[in-house]
Amino acid sequence: MMRMRWLLLTALLCVTQTAGAQAARPAGGDPRAAMQAEARAAMAPFAWLVGEWEGPATVHTPNGGTMSLSQRETVTSAAFGSALLIQGRGSMTMNGAARQVWDAAGLMGYDVPTKKFSFASAGGSGMMQMFAVTAQGEGFTWGYTDAAGTVNQFVITRTSDGKWKEVGSTSSDGGKSWMVTIELLLTRRP
């Protein structure tokens, strides 16, 4: 009996809130519609990223060496087209077997009130990071400055043949010179 009263009360509150929201809604419909449309329009240049991607990644080590990874990226459109969910996984062959060595997840989106893009990322290390994003045509740049003052930046671009190119680099002199730390060249999977 108590559960039935709770269900009725919940249903009544939902109807009352819905009616109140409809009464407060402008004649044009959902008040969020304009914001959603603006956010979707801002994210439209990046729609090409949606899908499954794979290809080589080269990590450049500080001592001048390199490591080769096989990289996979999965990108889905989210939040009514106002955000991208990105998951990246890297593996490398060790002792004759493929071993996953990288697993990162990110959310890139557009905030209408501030007119800014942002990117949140977790790289599997137990830390979450927030980055400002600079849109550049169909690509974008994001980065951060670490505790030692080193500037880290990542640039994603679309090549003329439709591939995902990403270059990560660091600068210890405030951006005067850069050292490439990682390069990816990914192809969309069918």
N, C-alpha and C. Protein backbone atom coordinates (compact mmCIF):
# COMPACT_ATOMS: atom_id res chain seq x y z
N MET A 1 0.82 -1.19 0.00
CA MET A 1 0.00 0.00 0.00
C MET A 1 0.87 1.27 0.00
N MET A 2 1.92 1.26 0.81
CA MET A 2 2.81 2.41 0.88
C MET A 2 3.49 2.64 -0.48
N ARG A 3 3.88 1.54 -1.12
CA ARG A 3 4.53 1.63 -2.44
C ARG A 3 3.57 2.24 -3.44
N MET A 4 2.29 1.88 -3.39
CA MET A 4 1.29 2.41 -4.32
C MET A 4 1.13 3.91 -4.12
N ARG A 5 1.10 4.37 -2.86
CA ARG A 5 1.00 5.81 -2.59
C ARG A 5 2.22 6.54 -3.15
N TRP A 6 3.42 5.97 -2.96
CA TRP A 6 4.64 6.59 -3.46
C TRP A 6 4.59 6.70 -4.98
N LEU A 7 4.15 5.64 -5.66
CA LEU A 7 4.04 5.66 -7.12
C LEU A 7 3.05 6.72 -7.60
N LEU A 8 1.91 6.83 -6.93
CA LEU A 8 0.91 7.83 -7.29
C LEU A 8 1.45 9.24 -7.06
N LEU A 9 2.12 9.44 -5.93
CA LEU A 9 2.68 10.75 -5.63
C LEU A 9 3.75 11.12 -6.66
N THR A 10 4.60 10.16 -7.02
CA THR A 10 5.63 10.41 -8.03
C THR A 10 5.00 10.76 -9.37
N ALA A 11 3.99 10.01 -9.77
CA ALA A 11 3.31 10.29 -11.04
C ALA A 11 2.67 11.68 -11.02
N LEU A 12 2.04 12.06 -9.91
CA LEU A 12 1.41 13.37 -9.79
C LEU A 12 2.45 14.48 -9.88
N LEU A 13 3.60 14.30 -9.21
CA LEU A 13 4.67 15.30 -9.28
C LEU A 13 5.20 15.45 -10.70
N CYS A 14 5.37 14.33 -11.39
CA CYS A 14 5.86 14.38 -12.77
C CYS A 14 4.89 15.13 -13.67
N VAL A 15 3.60 14.85 -13.52
CA VAL A 15 2.60 15.53 -14.34
C VAL A 15 2.59 17.02 -14.02
N THR A 16 2.65 17.37 -12.72
CA THR A 16 2.65 18.77 -12.32
C THR A 16 3.88 19.50 -12.85
N GLN A 17 5.07 18.87 -12.73
CA GLN A 17 6.29 19.51 -13.22
C GLN A 17 6.25 19.65 -14.73
N THR A 18 5.76 18.64 -15.43
CA THR A 18 5.68 18.70 -16.89
C THR A 18 4.73 19.81 -17.32
N ALA A 19 3.59 19.91 -16.66
CA ALA A 19 2.63 20.96 -17.01
C ALA A 19 3.21 22.34 -16.73
N GLY A 20 3.91 22.47 -15.57
CA GLY A 20 4.53 23.74 -15.25
C GLY A 20 5.62 24.11 -16.25
N ALA A 21 6.40 23.12 -16.66
CA ALA A 21 7.46 23.37 -17.63
C ALA A 21 6.87 23.76 -18.97
N GLN A 22 5.77 23.12 -19.35
CA GLN A 22 5.14 23.46 -20.62
C GLN A 22 4.56 24.86 -20.58
N ALA A 23 4.03 25.25 -19.44
CA ALA A 23 3.46 26.59 -19.33
C ALA A 23 4.56 27.64 -19.40
N ALA A 24 5.74 27.32 -18.83
CA ALA A 24 6.84 28.28 -18.84
C ALA A 24 7.62 28.27 -20.15
N ARG A 25 7.40 27.25 -20.96
CA ARG A 25 8.13 27.10 -22.22
C ARG A 25 7.68 28.14 -23.23
N PRO A 26 8.62 28.73 -23.94
CA PRO A 26 8.24 29.68 -24.98
C PRO A 26 7.42 29.00 -26.07
N ALA A 27 6.72 29.81 -26.81
CA ALA A 27 5.84 29.28 -27.85
C ALA A 27 6.59 28.43 -28.86
N GLY A 28 7.90 28.64 -29.03
CA GLY A 28 8.70 27.90 -30.00
C GLY A 28 9.02 26.48 -29.59
N GLY A 29 8.68 26.05 -28.37
CA GLY A 29 8.98 24.68 -27.95
C GLY A 29 10.04 24.64 -26.88
N ASP A 30 10.82 23.59 -26.91
CA ASP A 30 11.84 23.31 -25.91
C ASP A 30 12.85 24.47 -25.82
N PRO A 31 13.02 25.07 -24.64
CA PRO A 31 13.94 26.20 -24.51
C PRO A 31 15.40 25.80 -24.74
N ARG A 32 15.70 24.51 -24.63
CA ARG A 32 17.07 24.05 -24.86
C ARG A 32 17.37 23.87 -26.34
N ALA A 33 16.37 23.91 -27.18
CA ALA A 33 16.56 23.61 -28.60
C ALA A 33 17.59 24.52 -29.26
N ALA A 34 17.55 25.81 -28.97
CA ALA A 34 18.50 26.73 -29.59
C ALA A 34 19.93 26.44 -29.13
N MET A 35 20.10 26.15 -27.83
CA MET A 35 21.43 25.81 -27.32
C MET A 35 21.93 24.50 -27.92
N GLN A 36 21.04 23.51 -28.03
CA GLN A 36 21.43 22.24 -28.62
C GLN A 36 21.85 22.43 -30.07
N ALA A 37 21.09 23.23 -30.80
CA ALA A 37 21.41 23.48 -32.21
C ALA A 37 22.76 24.18 -32.34
N GLU A 38 23.04 25.14 -31.47
CA GLU A 38 24.32 25.86 -31.53
C GLU A 38 25.48 24.91 -31.20
N ALA A 39 25.29 24.06 -30.19
CA ALA A 39 26.34 23.11 -29.82
C ALA A 39 26.58 22.10 -30.94
N ARG A 40 25.51 21.59 -31.54
CA ARG A 40 25.65 20.65 -32.67
C ARG A 40 26.39 21.31 -33.83
N ALA A 41 26.05 22.55 -34.13
CA ALA A 41 26.71 23.27 -35.22
C ALA A 41 28.21 23.46 -34.91
N ALA A 42 28.54 23.76 -33.66
CA ALA A 42 29.94 23.94 -33.29
C ALA A 42 30.72 22.63 -33.41
N MET A 43 30.07 21.50 -33.13
CA MET A 43 30.73 20.19 -33.18
C MET A 43 30.72 19.57 -34.57
N ALA A 44 29.92 20.11 -35.49
CA ALA A 44 29.77 19.52 -36.83
C ALA A 44 31.10 19.31 -37.57
N PRO A 45 32.07 20.22 -37.49
CA PRO A 45 33.33 19.99 -38.21
C PRO A 45 34.08 18.73 -37.77
N PHE A 46 33.75 18.20 -36.59
CA PHE A 46 34.46 17.03 -36.06
C PHE A 46 33.68 15.73 -36.26
N ALA A 47 32.55 15.79 -36.95
CA ALA A 47 31.73 14.59 -37.16
C ALA A 47 32.49 13.51 -37.93
N TRP A 48 33.48 13.90 -38.72
CA TRP A 48 34.27 12.92 -39.46
C TRP A 48 34.99 11.94 -38.55
N LEU A 49 35.20 12.30 -37.29
CA LEU A 49 35.90 11.43 -36.35
C LEU A 49 35.05 10.26 -35.86
N VAL A 50 33.73 10.35 -35.98
CA VAL A 50 32.86 9.30 -35.47
C VAL A 50 33.11 8.01 -36.25
N GLY A 51 33.40 6.95 -35.50
CA GLY A 51 33.65 5.65 -36.11
C GLY A 51 34.77 4.91 -35.40
N GLU A 52 35.21 3.84 -36.04
CA GLU A 52 36.31 3.01 -35.54
C GLU A 52 37.55 3.29 -36.39
N TRP A 53 38.67 3.50 -35.73
CA TRP A 53 39.92 3.86 -36.39
C TRP A 53 41.04 2.95 -35.90
N GLU A 54 42.01 2.68 -36.78
CA GLU A 54 43.18 1.93 -36.34
C GLU A 54 44.38 2.28 -37.22
N GLY A 55 45.56 2.07 -36.65
CA GLY A 55 46.77 2.33 -37.40
C GLY A 55 47.97 2.42 -36.49
N PRO A 56 49.11 2.79 -37.07
CA PRO A 56 50.35 2.83 -36.30
C PRO A 56 50.47 4.11 -35.47
N ALA A 57 51.14 3.94 -34.34
CA ALA A 57 51.51 5.07 -33.49
C ALA A 57 52.99 4.92 -33.18
N THR A 58 53.71 6.00 -33.29
CA THR A 58 55.14 5.99 -32.98
C THR A 58 55.36 6.90 -31.79
N VAL A 59 55.93 6.35 -30.74
CA VAL A 59 56.26 7.11 -29.54
C VAL A 59 57.74 7.44 -29.60
N HIS A 60 58.07 8.72 -29.47
CA HIS A 60 59.46 9.18 -29.47
C HIS A 60 59.92 9.35 -28.03
N THR A 61 60.97 8.67 -27.67
CA THR A 61 61.48 8.71 -26.30
C THR A 61 62.48 9.85 -26.15
N PRO A 62 62.68 10.34 -24.93
CA PRO A 62 63.61 11.45 -24.71
C PRO A 62 65.05 11.17 -25.16
N ASN A 63 65.44 9.89 -25.18
CA ASN A 63 66.82 9.56 -25.56
C ASN A 63 66.99 9.43 -27.08
N GLY A 64 65.94 9.76 -27.86
CA GLY A 64 66.03 9.71 -29.31
C GLY A 64 65.53 8.43 -29.93
N GLY A 65 65.12 7.47 -29.12
CA GLY A 65 64.60 6.21 -29.64
C GLY A 65 63.12 6.30 -29.95
N THR A 66 62.57 5.23 -30.49
CA THR A 66 61.13 5.17 -30.78
C THR A 66 60.58 3.81 -30.36
N MET A 67 59.28 3.80 -30.12
CA MET A 67 58.53 2.57 -29.87
C MET A 67 57.33 2.59 -30.80
N SER A 68 56.98 1.44 -31.33
CA SER A 68 55.84 1.34 -32.24
C SER A 68 54.66 0.68 -31.53
N LEU A 69 53.51 1.30 -31.69
CA LEU A 69 52.27 0.77 -31.13
C LEU A 69 51.27 0.56 -32.25
N SER A 70 50.31 -0.30 -31.99
CA SER A 70 49.14 -0.43 -32.85
C SER A 70 48.02 0.28 -32.10
N GLN A 71 47.47 1.32 -32.68
CA GLN A 71 46.49 2.17 -31.99
C GLN A 71 45.10 1.96 -32.56
N ARG A 72 44.10 1.92 -31.67
CA ARG A 72 42.69 1.85 -32.06
C ARG A 72 41.96 2.96 -31.33
N GLU A 73 41.12 3.66 -32.06
CA GLU A 73 40.31 4.73 -31.48
C GLU A 73 38.85 4.48 -31.85
N THR A 74 37.98 4.59 -30.87
CA THR A 74 36.55 4.47 -31.08
C THR A 74 35.92 5.80 -30.69
N VAL A 75 35.20 6.42 -31.62
CA VAL A 75 34.59 7.72 -31.38
C VAL A 75 33.10 7.62 -31.63
N THR A 76 32.31 8.08 -30.67
CA THR A 76 30.85 8.10 -30.83
C THR A 76 30.33 9.51 -30.55
N SER A 77 29.27 9.85 -31.24
CA SER A 77 28.59 11.12 -30.99
C SER A 77 27.70 10.94 -29.76
N ALA A 78 27.65 11.95 -28.91
CA ALA A 78 26.87 11.86 -27.67
C ALA A 78 26.19 13.18 -27.37
N ALA A 79 25.31 13.15 -26.39
CA ALA A 79 24.65 14.36 -25.87
C ALA A 79 23.99 15.16 -27.00
N PHE A 80 23.16 14.49 -27.78
CA PHE A 80 22.43 15.12 -28.89
C PHE A 80 23.37 15.77 -29.90
N GLY A 81 24.55 15.17 -30.09
CA GLY A 81 25.50 15.70 -31.07
C GLY A 81 26.36 16.84 -30.57
N SER A 82 26.32 17.13 -29.26
CA SER A 82 27.10 18.25 -28.72
C SER A 82 28.42 17.79 -28.10
N ALA A 83 28.72 16.49 -28.20
CA ALA A 83 29.95 15.96 -27.61
C ALA A 83 30.42 14.72 -28.37
N LEU A 84 31.69 14.41 -28.21
CA LEU A 84 32.27 13.19 -28.75
C LEU A 84 32.87 12.39 -27.60
N LEU A 85 32.54 11.11 -27.54
CA LEU A 85 33.17 10.17 -26.61
C LEU A 85 34.29 9.49 -27.38
N ILE A 86 35.50 9.52 -26.84
CA ILE A 86 36.66 8.98 -27.54
C ILE A 86 37.35 7.97 -26.63
N GLN A 87 37.57 6.76 -27.14
CA GLN A 87 38.34 5.78 -26.39
C GLN A 87 39.49 5.31 -27.25
N GLY A 88 40.69 5.42 -26.71
CA GLY A 88 41.89 5.00 -27.43
C GLY A 88 42.59 3.87 -26.71
N ARG A 89 43.01 2.88 -27.48
CA ARG A 89 43.73 1.73 -26.92
C ARG A 89 44.97 1.48 -27.77
N GLY A 90 46.10 1.34 -27.12
CA GLY A 90 47.33 1.04 -27.83
C GLY A 90 47.91 -0.27 -27.36
N SER A 91 48.45 -1.02 -28.30
CA SER A 91 49.10 -2.28 -27.93
C SER A 91 50.42 -2.39 -28.69
N MET A 92 51.31 -3.18 -28.12
CA MET A 92 52.59 -3.42 -28.79
C MET A 92 52.98 -4.87 -28.59
N THR A 93 53.79 -5.36 -29.50
CA THR A 93 54.23 -6.75 -29.42
C THR A 93 55.41 -6.84 -28.45
N MET A 94 55.25 -7.72 -27.48
CA MET A 94 56.29 -7.94 -26.47
C MET A 94 56.44 -9.45 -26.30
N ASN A 95 57.65 -9.92 -26.47
CA ASN A 95 57.91 -11.36 -26.36
C ASN A 95 57.00 -12.18 -27.27
N GLY A 96 56.74 -11.65 -28.46
CA GLY A 96 55.96 -12.37 -29.47
C GLY A 96 54.46 -12.27 -29.30
N ALA A 97 53.98 -11.54 -28.30
CA ALA A 97 52.53 -11.44 -28.08
C ALA A 97 52.12 -9.97 -27.98
N ALA A 98 50.93 -9.67 -28.50
CA ALA A 98 50.39 -8.31 -28.40
C ALA A 98 49.96 -8.06 -26.95
N ARG A 99 50.35 -6.90 -26.43
CA ARG A 99 50.00 -6.54 -25.06
C ARG A 99 49.48 -5.11 -25.05
N GLN A 100 48.32 -4.92 -24.45
CA GLN A 100 47.76 -3.58 -24.36
C GLN A 100 48.58 -2.76 -23.37
N VAL A 101 49.04 -1.58 -23.83
CA VAL A 101 49.87 -0.72 -22.98
C VAL A 101 49.26 0.66 -22.79
N TRP A 102 48.15 0.92 -23.47
CA TRP A 102 47.52 2.25 -23.38
C TRP A 102 46.02 2.07 -23.43
N ASP A 103 45.32 2.77 -22.55
CA ASP A 103 43.86 2.75 -22.53
C ASP A 103 43.40 4.10 -22.00
N ALA A 104 42.88 4.94 -22.88
CA ALA A 104 42.47 6.28 -22.49
C ALA A 104 41.03 6.53 -22.92
N ALA A 105 40.37 7.40 -22.20
CA ALA A 105 39.00 7.77 -22.54
C ALA A 105 38.87 9.28 -22.43
N GLY A 106 38.12 9.86 -23.34
CA GLY A 106 37.94 11.30 -23.31
C GLY A 106 36.55 11.72 -23.72
N LEU A 107 36.21 12.92 -23.36
CA LEU A 107 34.94 13.54 -23.74
C LEU A 107 35.27 14.95 -24.22
N MET A 108 34.96 15.22 -25.48
CA MET A 108 35.16 16.55 -26.02
C MET A 108 33.78 17.14 -26.30
N GLY A 109 33.59 18.38 -25.92
CA GLY A 109 32.29 19.00 -26.14
C GLY A 109 32.38 20.51 -26.25
N TYR A 110 31.23 21.08 -26.55
CA TYR A 110 31.12 22.53 -26.71
C TYR A 110 30.16 23.07 -25.68
N ASP A 111 30.56 24.14 -24.99
CA ASP A 111 29.74 24.77 -23.97
C ASP A 111 29.20 26.08 -24.54
N VAL A 112 27.91 26.12 -24.77
CA VAL A 112 27.30 27.30 -25.40
C VAL A 112 27.45 28.57 -24.56
N PRO A 113 27.19 28.54 -23.25
CA PRO A 113 27.32 29.79 -22.49
C PRO A 113 28.71 30.43 -22.56
N THR A 114 29.78 29.61 -22.56
CA THR A 114 31.12 30.19 -22.60
C THR A 114 31.68 30.27 -24.02
N LYS A 115 30.98 29.63 -24.98
CA LYS A 115 31.44 29.60 -26.38
C LYS A 115 32.82 28.95 -26.49
N LYS A 116 33.06 27.91 -25.67
CA LYS A 116 34.36 27.25 -25.65
C LYS A 116 34.20 25.73 -25.78
N PHE A 117 35.21 25.14 -26.42
CA PHE A 117 35.34 23.69 -26.46
C PHE A 117 36.19 23.27 -25.26
N SER A 118 35.96 22.07 -24.76
CA SER A 118 36.83 21.52 -23.73
C SER A 118 36.94 20.02 -23.92
N PHE A 119 37.95 19.46 -23.29
CA PHE A 119 38.26 18.05 -23.44
C PHE A 119 38.64 17.51 -22.07
N ALA A 120 37.97 16.48 -21.61
CA ALA A 120 38.31 15.80 -20.36
C ALA A 120 38.88 14.44 -20.73
N SER A 121 39.95 14.04 -20.06
CA SER A 121 40.62 12.82 -20.43
C SER A 121 41.08 12.05 -19.20
N ALA A 122 41.01 10.73 -19.31
CA ALA A 122 41.58 9.83 -18.31
C ALA A 122 42.46 8.85 -19.06
N GLY A 123 43.72 8.79 -18.69
CA GLY A 123 44.67 7.94 -19.40
C GLY A 123 45.00 6.64 -18.70
N GLY A 124 44.18 6.23 -17.75
CA GLY A 124 44.42 4.96 -17.07
C GLY A 124 45.43 5.06 -15.94
N SER A 125 45.90 6.26 -15.64
CA SER A 125 46.90 6.43 -14.59
C SER A 125 46.26 6.77 -13.24
N GLY A 126 44.94 6.93 -13.24
CA GLY A 126 44.27 7.33 -12.02
C GLY A 126 44.05 8.83 -11.93
N MET A 127 44.44 9.56 -12.98
CA MET A 127 44.26 11.01 -13.00
C MET A 127 43.31 11.40 -14.12
N MET A 128 42.47 12.38 -13.84
CA MET A 128 41.61 13.01 -14.85
C MET A 128 42.20 14.37 -15.13
N GLN A 129 42.16 14.76 -16.41
CA GLN A 129 42.65 16.08 -16.76
C GLN A 129 41.62 16.79 -17.63
N MET A 130 41.53 18.10 -17.47
CA MET A 130 40.68 18.96 -18.29
C MET A 130 41.57 19.84 -19.14
N PHE A 131 41.20 19.96 -20.42
CA PHE A 131 42.00 20.73 -21.35
C PHE A 131 41.12 21.73 -22.09
N ALA A 132 41.67 22.89 -22.36
CA ALA A 132 41.02 23.81 -23.29
C ALA A 132 41.32 23.30 -24.69
N VAL A 133 40.40 23.53 -25.60
CA VAL A 133 40.53 23.05 -26.97
C VAL A 133 40.48 24.24 -27.91
N THR A 134 41.35 24.24 -28.89
CA THR A 134 41.32 25.25 -29.95
C THR A 134 40.92 24.54 -31.24
N ALA A 135 39.77 24.92 -31.79
CA ALA A 135 39.30 24.33 -33.04
C ALA A 135 40.08 24.93 -34.20
N GLN A 136 40.43 24.07 -35.15
CA GLN A 136 41.17 24.50 -36.34
C GLN A 136 40.59 23.75 -37.54
N GLY A 137 39.58 24.33 -38.18
CA GLY A 137 38.93 23.65 -39.30
C GLY A 137 38.28 22.37 -38.85
N GLU A 138 38.69 21.25 -39.45
CA GLU A 138 38.14 19.95 -39.08
C GLU A 138 38.96 19.28 -37.99
N GLY A 139 39.95 19.98 -37.46
CA GLY A 139 40.78 19.42 -36.42
C GLY A 139 40.81 20.30 -35.20
N PHE A 140 41.59 19.89 -34.23
CA PHE A 140 41.68 20.69 -33.01
C PHE A 140 42.98 20.40 -32.27
N THR A 141 43.33 21.33 -31.39
CA THR A 141 44.52 21.23 -30.56
C THR A 141 44.10 21.32 -29.11
N TRP A 142 44.72 20.53 -28.27
CA TRP A 142 44.52 20.66 -26.84
C TRP A 142 45.85 20.40 -26.16
N GLY A 143 45.98 20.85 -24.92
CA GLY A 143 47.23 20.64 -24.23
C GLY A 143 47.20 21.16 -22.81
N TYR A 144 48.38 21.12 -22.19
CA TYR A 144 48.50 21.55 -20.80
C TYR A 144 49.97 21.86 -20.51
N THR A 145 50.19 22.54 -19.43
CA THR A 145 51.54 22.80 -18.94
C THR A 145 51.71 22.01 -17.65
N ASP A 146 52.74 21.17 -17.58
CA ASP A 146 52.92 20.34 -16.39
C ASP A 146 53.60 21.12 -15.27
N ALA A 147 53.80 20.45 -14.13
CA ALA A 147 54.35 21.10 -12.94
C ALA A 147 55.76 21.64 -13.18
N ALA A 148 56.51 21.04 -14.10
CA ALA A 148 57.87 21.50 -14.39
C ALA A 148 57.90 22.65 -15.39
N GLY A 149 56.72 23.06 -15.88
CA GLY A 149 56.64 24.16 -16.83
C GLY A 149 56.74 23.73 -18.29
N THR A 150 56.75 22.42 -18.54
CA THR A 150 56.81 21.91 -19.91
C THR A 150 55.42 21.99 -20.53
N VAL A 151 55.35 22.56 -21.72
CA VAL A 151 54.09 22.67 -22.45
C VAL A 151 53.90 21.40 -23.28
N ASN A 152 52.75 20.77 -23.14
CA ASN A 152 52.40 19.56 -23.89
C ASN A 152 51.22 19.89 -24.77
N GLN A 153 51.29 19.55 -26.05
CA GLN A 153 50.14 19.81 -26.92
C GLN A 153 49.93 18.63 -27.86
N PHE A 154 48.68 18.46 -28.26
CA PHE A 154 48.28 17.41 -29.17
C PHE A 154 47.43 18.05 -30.26
N VAL A 155 47.69 17.68 -31.50
CA VAL A 155 46.98 18.25 -32.64
C VAL A 155 46.40 17.11 -33.47
N ILE A 156 45.08 17.15 -33.67
CA ILE A 156 44.41 16.18 -34.55
C ILE A 156 44.00 16.90 -35.81
N THR A 157 44.35 16.33 -36.96
CA THR A 157 43.95 16.87 -38.25
C THR A 157 43.43 15.74 -39.13
N ARG A 158 42.69 16.12 -40.14
CA ARG A 158 42.20 15.17 -41.14
C ARG A 158 43.07 15.35 -42.39
N THR A 159 43.66 14.26 -42.85
CA THR A 159 44.51 14.33 -44.03
C THR A 159 43.66 14.44 -45.28
N SER A 160 44.28 14.77 -46.40
CA SER A 160 43.54 14.91 -47.65
C SER A 160 42.90 13.60 -48.10
N ASP A 161 43.45 12.46 -47.66
CA ASP A 161 42.84 11.18 -48.02
C ASP A 161 41.95 10.62 -46.90
N GLY A 162 41.54 11.49 -45.95
CA GLY A 162 40.55 11.12 -44.94
C GLY A 162 41.08 10.39 -43.73
N LYS A 163 42.38 10.39 -43.51
CA LYS A 163 42.94 9.71 -42.34
C LYS A 163 43.00 10.66 -41.14
N TRP A 164 43.08 10.06 -39.97
CA TRP A 164 43.22 10.78 -38.70
C TRP A 164 44.71 10.89 -38.41
N LYS A 165 45.22 12.09 -38.42
CA LYS A 165 46.62 12.32 -38.07
C LYS A 165 46.65 13.05 -36.74
N GLU A 166 47.48 12.54 -35.85
CA GLU A 166 47.62 13.17 -34.54
C GLU A 166 49.09 13.25 -34.19
N VAL A 167 49.50 14.41 -33.72
CA VAL A 167 50.89 14.62 -33.32
C VAL A 167 50.88 15.25 -31.92
N GLY A 168 51.62 14.62 -31.02
CA GLY A 168 51.82 15.17 -29.69
C GLY A 168 53.23 15.69 -29.59
N SER A 169 53.41 16.81 -28.92
CA SER A 169 54.75 17.38 -28.79
C SER A 169 54.88 18.14 -27.48
N THR A 170 56.13 18.39 -27.10
CA THR A 170 56.41 19.12 -25.87
C THR A 170 57.38 20.26 -26.16
N SER A 171 57.30 21.28 -25.31
CA SER A 171 58.21 22.42 -25.40
C SER A 171 58.64 22.80 -23.98
N SER A 172 59.93 22.88 -23.77
CA SER A 172 60.43 23.30 -22.46
C SER A 172 60.89 24.75 -22.46
N ASP A 173 60.70 25.44 -23.61
CA ASP A 173 61.12 26.83 -23.69
C ASP A 173 59.95 27.76 -24.05
N GLY A 174 58.76 27.41 -23.54
CA GLY A 174 57.60 28.28 -23.73
C GLY A 174 57.05 28.30 -25.14
N GLY A 175 57.31 27.25 -25.93
CA GLY A 175 56.75 27.17 -27.27
C GLY A 175 57.67 27.65 -28.38
N LYS A 176 58.90 27.99 -28.05
CA LYS A 176 59.84 28.42 -29.09
C LYS A 176 60.32 27.23 -29.93
N SER A 177 60.53 26.09 -29.28
CA SER A 177 60.91 24.88 -30.00
C SER A 177 60.10 23.71 -29.45
N TRP A 178 59.87 22.72 -30.31
CA TRP A 178 59.00 21.59 -29.95
C TRP A 178 59.70 20.27 -30.25
N MET A 179 59.45 19.27 -29.40
CA MET A 179 59.94 17.91 -29.62
C MET A 179 58.73 17.00 -29.77
N VAL A 180 58.65 16.29 -30.87
CA VAL A 180 57.53 15.37 -31.10
C VAL A 180 57.65 14.20 -30.13
N THR A 181 56.53 13.87 -29.46
CA THR A 181 56.51 12.76 -28.51
C THR A 181 55.72 11.57 -29.03
N ILE A 182 54.70 11.82 -29.88
CA ILE A 182 53.91 10.72 -30.42
C ILE A 182 53.30 11.15 -31.75
N GLU A 183 53.20 10.21 -32.68
CA GLU A 183 52.57 10.44 -33.97
C GLU A 183 51.64 9.27 -34.27
N LEU A 184 50.42 9.57 -34.68
CA LEU A 184 49.45 8.55 -35.07
C LEU A 184 48.99 8.84 -36.49
N LEU A 185 48.74 7.79 -37.24
CA LEU A 185 48.13 7.92 -38.56
C LEU A 185 47.12 6.78 -38.67
N LEU A 186 45.87 7.12 -38.46
CA LEU A 186 44.82 6.11 -38.35
C LEU A 186 43.90 6.11 -39.57
N THR A 187 43.43 4.93 -39.92
CA THR A 187 42.49 4.73 -41.03
C THR A 187 41.16 4.25 -40.47
N ARG A 188 40.08 4.76 -41.04
CA ARG A 188 38.76 4.34 -40.59
C ARG A 188 38.55 2.87 -40.95
N ARG A 189 38.05 2.12 -39.99
CA ARG A 189 37.73 0.72 -40.23
C ARG A 189 36.38 0.63 -40.93
N PRO A 190 36.26 -0.33 -41.85
CA PRO A 190 34.96 -0.48 -42.56
C PRO A 190 33.87 -0.99 -41.64
